[in-house]
Amino acid sequence: MGNHTRFSTKDRDNDNHQDSNCAKNYTGGWWFNACGDTNLNGRYMWLRSKGRSMRRKGIHWKALGISYSLKTTKISIRHA
């Protein structure tokens, strides 16, 4: 997520990837740049998925890598 990155959903493609809709392809809305390495609104992948595109459909955070699918996430927003 970067400053001024717009939220994308399957019906509102606001990512910077011109050839696809990241939210539609990776099963959840997010502040995608170019389908990125982070998606907290994907699916929980209880088995290790084969193939990069399948792993990206899971809930993952860049620092942990796309091979690790989180069970749950919580996003907290506060005033700056």
N, C-alpha and C. Protein backbone atom coordinates (compact mmCIF):
# COMPACT_ATOMS: atom_id res chain seq x y z
N MET A 1 0.85 -1.17 0.00
CA MET A 1 0.00 0.00 0.00
C MET A 1 0.89 1.23 0.00
N GLY A 2 0.64 2.08 -0.91
CA GLY A 2 1.37 3.33 -0.94
C GLY A 2 0.41 4.50 -0.87
N ASN A 3 0.96 5.65 -0.65
CA ASN A 3 0.13 6.85 -0.65
C ASN A 3 -0.54 7.01 -2.01
N HIS A 4 -1.77 7.41 -1.98
CA HIS A 4 -2.56 7.68 -3.19
C HIS A 4 -2.89 6.42 -4.00
N THR A 5 -2.71 5.25 -3.43
CA THR A 5 -3.11 4.02 -4.11
C THR A 5 -4.60 3.84 -3.88
N ARG A 6 -5.34 3.62 -4.94
CA ARG A 6 -6.79 3.48 -4.84
C ARG A 6 -7.17 2.03 -4.59
N PHE A 7 -8.24 1.82 -3.84
CA PHE A 7 -8.73 0.49 -3.52
C PHE A 7 -9.38 -0.12 -4.75
N SER A 8 -9.06 -1.37 -5.06
CA SER A 8 -9.64 -2.07 -6.21
C SER A 8 -10.57 -3.18 -5.74
N THR A 9 -11.66 -3.37 -6.46
CA THR A 9 -12.58 -4.48 -6.25
C THR A 9 -12.81 -5.15 -7.59
N LYS A 10 -13.52 -6.28 -7.58
CA LYS A 10 -13.73 -6.99 -8.84
C LYS A 10 -14.51 -6.15 -9.85
N ASP A 11 -15.33 -5.20 -9.37
CA ASP A 11 -16.09 -4.36 -10.29
C ASP A 11 -15.55 -2.94 -10.42
N ARG A 12 -14.48 -2.62 -9.69
CA ARG A 12 -13.81 -1.31 -9.78
C ARG A 12 -12.31 -1.55 -9.85
N ASP A 13 -11.79 -1.65 -11.05
CA ASP A 13 -10.38 -1.96 -11.28
C ASP A 13 -9.56 -0.68 -11.20
N ASN A 14 -8.96 -0.43 -10.04
CA ASN A 14 -8.16 0.78 -9.84
C ASN A 14 -6.67 0.49 -9.68
N ASP A 15 -6.25 -0.75 -9.91
CA ASP A 15 -4.84 -1.08 -9.76
C ASP A 15 -4.04 -0.54 -10.94
N ASN A 16 -2.72 -0.62 -10.83
CA ASN A 16 -1.84 -0.13 -11.88
C ASN A 16 -1.42 -1.20 -12.87
N HIS A 17 -2.08 -2.34 -12.84
CA HIS A 17 -1.79 -3.43 -13.77
C HIS A 17 -2.77 -3.33 -14.92
N GLN A 18 -2.32 -2.85 -16.04
CA GLN A 18 -3.20 -2.53 -17.17
C GLN A 18 -3.83 -3.75 -17.82
N ASP A 19 -3.19 -4.90 -17.74
CA ASP A 19 -3.66 -6.07 -18.47
C ASP A 19 -4.60 -6.99 -17.68
N SER A 20 -4.84 -6.69 -16.40
CA SER A 20 -5.74 -7.55 -15.63
C SER A 20 -6.34 -6.78 -14.46
N ASN A 21 -7.31 -7.40 -13.82
CA ASN A 21 -7.95 -6.86 -12.63
C ASN A 21 -7.46 -7.68 -11.44
N CYS A 22 -6.55 -7.13 -10.67
CA CYS A 22 -5.93 -7.87 -9.56
C CYS A 22 -6.96 -8.34 -8.54
N ALA A 23 -7.93 -7.51 -8.20
CA ALA A 23 -8.94 -7.90 -7.20
C ALA A 23 -9.78 -9.07 -7.69
N LYS A 24 -10.09 -9.09 -8.96
CA LYS A 24 -10.87 -10.20 -9.53
C LYS A 24 -10.03 -11.47 -9.60
N ASN A 25 -8.80 -11.34 -10.06
CA ASN A 25 -7.92 -12.51 -10.22
C ASN A 25 -7.46 -13.10 -8.89
N TYR A 26 -7.29 -12.26 -7.88
CA TYR A 26 -6.75 -12.73 -6.60
C TYR A 26 -7.78 -12.70 -5.48
N THR A 27 -9.04 -12.76 -5.82
CA THR A 27 -10.19 -13.04 -4.95
C THR A 27 -10.39 -12.11 -3.77
N GLY A 28 -10.13 -10.85 -3.95
CA GLY A 28 -10.44 -9.92 -2.87
C GLY A 28 -9.99 -8.52 -3.17
N GLY A 29 -10.73 -7.56 -2.66
CA GLY A 29 -10.35 -6.16 -2.84
C GLY A 29 -9.12 -5.81 -2.04
N TRP A 30 -8.33 -4.87 -2.57
CA TRP A 30 -7.11 -4.44 -1.89
C TRP A 30 -6.58 -3.20 -2.57
N TRP A 31 -5.60 -2.56 -1.93
CA TRP A 31 -4.90 -1.43 -2.52
C TRP A 31 -3.76 -1.99 -3.37
N PHE A 32 -4.12 -2.63 -4.46
CA PHE A 32 -3.12 -3.25 -5.34
C PHE A 32 -2.37 -2.19 -6.13
N ASN A 33 -1.09 -2.43 -6.33
CA ASN A 33 -0.32 -1.60 -7.24
C ASN A 33 -0.32 -2.30 -8.59
N ALA A 34 0.47 -3.34 -8.71
CA ALA A 34 0.48 -4.13 -9.94
C ALA A 34 0.31 -5.60 -9.55
N CYS A 35 -0.71 -5.89 -8.82
CA CYS A 35 -1.06 -7.20 -8.26
C CYS A 35 -0.15 -7.62 -7.12
N GLY A 36 0.81 -6.80 -6.77
CA GLY A 36 1.64 -6.85 -5.59
C GLY A 36 1.87 -8.16 -4.87
N ASP A 37 2.52 -8.03 -3.75
CA ASP A 37 2.92 -9.18 -2.95
C ASP A 37 2.16 -9.25 -1.63
N THR A 38 1.11 -8.45 -1.50
CA THR A 38 0.33 -8.42 -0.28
C THR A 38 -1.15 -8.47 -0.61
N ASN A 39 -1.89 -9.30 0.10
CA ASN A 39 -3.34 -9.38 -0.09
C ASN A 39 -3.96 -9.93 1.19
N LEU A 40 -4.55 -9.05 1.99
CA LEU A 40 -5.16 -9.49 3.24
C LEU A 40 -6.63 -9.85 3.07
N ASN A 41 -7.15 -9.75 1.88
CA ASN A 41 -8.55 -10.09 1.63
C ASN A 41 -8.72 -11.28 0.71
N GLY A 42 -7.68 -12.09 0.60
CA GLY A 42 -7.77 -13.30 -0.21
C GLY A 42 -8.37 -14.45 0.57
N ARG A 43 -8.20 -15.65 0.06
CA ARG A 43 -8.71 -16.86 0.72
C ARG A 43 -7.66 -17.45 1.65
N TYR A 44 -8.12 -18.15 2.68
CA TYR A 44 -7.19 -18.91 3.51
C TYR A 44 -6.86 -20.20 2.78
N MET A 45 -5.59 -20.41 2.48
CA MET A 45 -5.14 -21.60 1.77
C MET A 45 -4.53 -22.55 2.79
N TRP A 46 -5.32 -23.51 3.26
CA TRP A 46 -4.85 -24.40 4.32
C TRP A 46 -3.83 -25.42 3.83
N LEU A 47 -3.75 -25.66 2.56
CA LEU A 47 -2.69 -26.48 1.98
C LEU A 47 -1.77 -25.59 1.17
N ARG A 48 -0.50 -25.95 1.14
CA ARG A 48 0.43 -25.16 0.34
C ARG A 48 0.08 -25.34 -1.13
N SER A 49 -0.26 -24.25 -1.77
CA SER A 49 -0.68 -24.27 -3.17
C SER A 49 0.52 -24.32 -4.09
N LYS A 50 0.34 -24.98 -5.20
CA LYS A 50 1.38 -25.01 -6.21
C LYS A 50 1.08 -23.94 -7.24
N GLY A 51 2.10 -23.27 -7.67
CA GLY A 51 1.94 -22.23 -8.67
C GLY A 51 1.77 -20.86 -8.03
N ARG A 52 2.52 -19.91 -8.53
CA ARG A 52 2.52 -18.56 -7.97
C ARG A 52 1.15 -17.90 -8.04
N SER A 53 0.44 -18.03 -9.14
CA SER A 53 -0.85 -17.35 -9.26
C SER A 53 -1.87 -17.92 -8.28
N MET A 54 -1.81 -19.20 -8.00
CA MET A 54 -2.72 -19.79 -7.02
C MET A 54 -2.38 -19.33 -5.61
N ARG A 55 -1.09 -19.27 -5.27
CA ARG A 55 -0.67 -18.82 -3.94
C ARG A 55 -1.08 -17.37 -3.71
N ARG A 56 -1.04 -16.55 -4.75
CA ARG A 56 -1.42 -15.15 -4.60
C ARG A 56 -2.90 -14.97 -4.29
N LYS A 57 -3.71 -15.99 -4.49
CA LYS A 57 -5.13 -15.90 -4.15
C LYS A 57 -5.34 -16.04 -2.65
N GLY A 58 -4.32 -16.46 -1.93
CA GLY A 58 -4.42 -16.62 -0.48
C GLY A 58 -4.15 -15.33 0.26
N ILE A 59 -4.51 -15.33 1.55
CA ILE A 59 -4.23 -14.18 2.41
C ILE A 59 -2.73 -14.20 2.68
N HIS A 60 -2.03 -13.18 2.24
CA HIS A 60 -0.58 -13.16 2.47
C HIS A 60 -0.07 -11.73 2.68
N TRP A 61 1.05 -11.64 3.37
CA TRP A 61 1.71 -10.39 3.66
C TRP A 61 3.14 -10.51 3.14
N LYS A 62 3.60 -9.49 2.43
CA LYS A 62 4.88 -9.55 1.73
C LYS A 62 6.04 -10.05 2.61
N ALA A 63 6.14 -9.57 3.83
CA ALA A 63 7.26 -9.95 4.70
C ALA A 63 7.29 -11.44 5.01
N LEU A 64 6.12 -12.10 5.00
CA LEU A 64 6.06 -13.53 5.28
C LEU A 64 6.21 -14.37 4.03
N GLY A 65 6.02 -13.77 2.86
CA GLY A 65 6.12 -14.48 1.59
C GLY A 65 4.77 -15.02 1.15
N ILE A 66 4.62 -15.22 -0.17
CA ILE A 66 3.33 -15.66 -0.70
C ILE A 66 3.07 -17.14 -0.46
N SER A 67 4.07 -17.87 0.03
CA SER A 67 3.86 -19.29 0.31
C SER A 67 3.19 -19.51 1.66
N TYR A 68 3.13 -18.47 2.49
CA TYR A 68 2.52 -18.59 3.82
C TYR A 68 1.16 -17.90 3.80
N SER A 69 0.09 -18.66 4.00
CA SER A 69 -1.26 -18.11 3.99
C SER A 69 -1.74 -17.89 5.42
N LEU A 70 -2.05 -16.65 5.76
CA LEU A 70 -2.55 -16.32 7.09
C LEU A 70 -3.97 -16.84 7.27
N LYS A 71 -4.32 -17.25 8.48
CA LYS A 71 -5.69 -17.71 8.75
C LYS A 71 -6.64 -16.53 8.87
N THR A 72 -6.24 -15.51 9.56
CA THR A 72 -7.08 -14.33 9.76
C THR A 72 -6.23 -13.08 9.72
N THR A 73 -6.88 -11.97 9.51
CA THR A 73 -6.22 -10.67 9.56
C THR A 73 -7.15 -9.68 10.24
N LYS A 74 -6.58 -8.62 10.74
CA LYS A 74 -7.35 -7.53 11.33
C LYS A 74 -6.69 -6.23 10.91
N ILE A 75 -7.46 -5.35 10.33
CA ILE A 75 -6.94 -4.06 9.91
C ILE A 75 -7.55 -3.01 10.83
N SER A 76 -6.70 -2.22 11.47
CA SER A 76 -7.15 -1.14 12.34
C SER A 76 -6.77 0.19 11.70
N ILE A 77 -7.69 1.11 11.72
CA ILE A 77 -7.45 2.42 11.13
C ILE A 77 -7.59 3.46 12.23
N ARG A 78 -6.63 4.39 12.27
CA ARG A 78 -6.69 5.44 13.28
C ARG A 78 -6.42 6.80 12.63
N HIS A 79 -6.86 7.83 13.30
CA HIS A 79 -6.60 9.18 12.83
C HIS A 79 -5.12 9.48 12.94
N ALA A 80 -4.59 10.19 11.97
CA ALA A 80 -3.17 10.55 12.01
C ALA A 80 -2.96 11.76 12.90
